[in-house]
Amino acid sequence: MGLRRRQILTGIMGLGGLFVASSVPYRGNGLLPRASRPAAIVFPPVAAGRELSPRQLGRVGVLNGTLTSVSWIDETGRALPGALSADRRAWISSEPLGYGHTYTASVVANGETGHVDATAVFTTVRPDRLTSVSFRSNNLLDIQDGETYGIGLVLVAHFDEAIDRAAAERTLRVTTEPPVPGAWYWLDDHNAHWRPENYHTPGTRITVAANLFGTRLGDGLYGQDDQRVSVVIGPSHIAIADDNTKHIEVFENGNLIRTMPTSMGRGGTAVVGGRVLSFWTHPGVYTVLDKNSVVSMDSSSYGLPVNSGLGYRELIKNAVRISHDGIYLHELAATVWAQGYTNVSHGCLNLSPADAAWFFDFANPGDVVEVRNTGGDPLDIGQGGDWTILWPDWQRGSALA
């Protein structure tokens, strides 16, 4: 019978892409005798002058043999935990290498020619500073895992240090079920907002994650830990406040369920203490940020003295906040005469006691409030107007655009 050759592939996968293939002669059902080969211990490849990533696992492999013992000992004498593979040809740690360590890896292997041993020293990145991220809704409070939010939910990634925006955005992952494309929009070096082009579909599950650990996010700045949170979108709640009619129409899942007379911002501006104060209810798409059964409202908080002609300080019931600069839908019995007819407020949307109580119970964080046909400048993102930004402009706000 003539000599045939069959390729026998051996090696260790996962060691920096290492895979060794060898060919040996084959005759019939047996291998031809060949010279004995010594075991070869394989460590993770490291470029000259470089350090191992804190995120990666410690790994050791062997060619032409089996591993007898493996230890990775750090600078404190602590052993990195790990385990051998079933065939004893690989060892992998059960935790990542971590920041700022110097490991001495000592390995003994048994091959056809006997025992071999090897030692190698590895270091990992030692950051100057660490940063973490918190995931928030557009009310700037941390998102609660598993909670339900309205169709206008905007995700906020807040970093506690100024970061490299592009590097940070590469660590951020948003997945939706069903899939919906979206984009990040950076307000500054600490805050990125995410939303899709249109409001979320009720029932959508959204998961946002940041794989920060081991990632360089600036000069000497690295990610402290990974984060992940998942939420669900509830029913579609949209309230449309139209200054042409001085009424608010409230829709649930596309059905009109209540119409409420309102009195909005009286309009115009005033210069007080060198500051220009606006009394418009700015047009745009707001979202419900939070709500309180009683709120103390004080005009001096934004520079309008209480004892001035337009000043005020009073307790307000059933207040639903929709902007970061203090626009609410709230109860105000004193303006019922104006509701549905004329605008007399400083910018809030006044409601009757009955309507305010109903809306307070109805509204949830992330619900949409669209204000139409009012004067003044459009609502901006600093006030909470994420959805007012046109989609092409929003996409250009990505650090990876």
Foldseek 3Di string as FASTA:
>chain_A
DDWDWDWDWDDDADQQGDGDTDIFTDDDPDGDDDDFDFKDKDFRDDPPPDADFQQAKGKIFIDQWAWDDKWKAKPVRDTFAWDADPRRGMIIGPGGNHAFIKIKMKTWTAHPVGIDIDIDIGTYHHFPEAKEWFKDWLLPDGDDFAEEAAQQTKIKIFIPDQWQQVQQVVQKDKAKVVGADKAWFDPGSGMIIIDGQDGHDAFMKMKMKGQFRRGHTDDSYGYDHIDMGMYGYHWAWEWEQEPVQQKIFIDTNRHTDDIFFWAFFQFDWDQAPNDIATRWQAFAKWWFSAWDQKDWDWPVVVPDHLPDPQTNTDIWGLWTDTWPVGATEGEDCVCPVCGRPYHDGSGHIYGHPVVSVVVSVVGGTSHMYGYPDIDDHHDDVNGPRPSRDRPVVRNVSRPVD
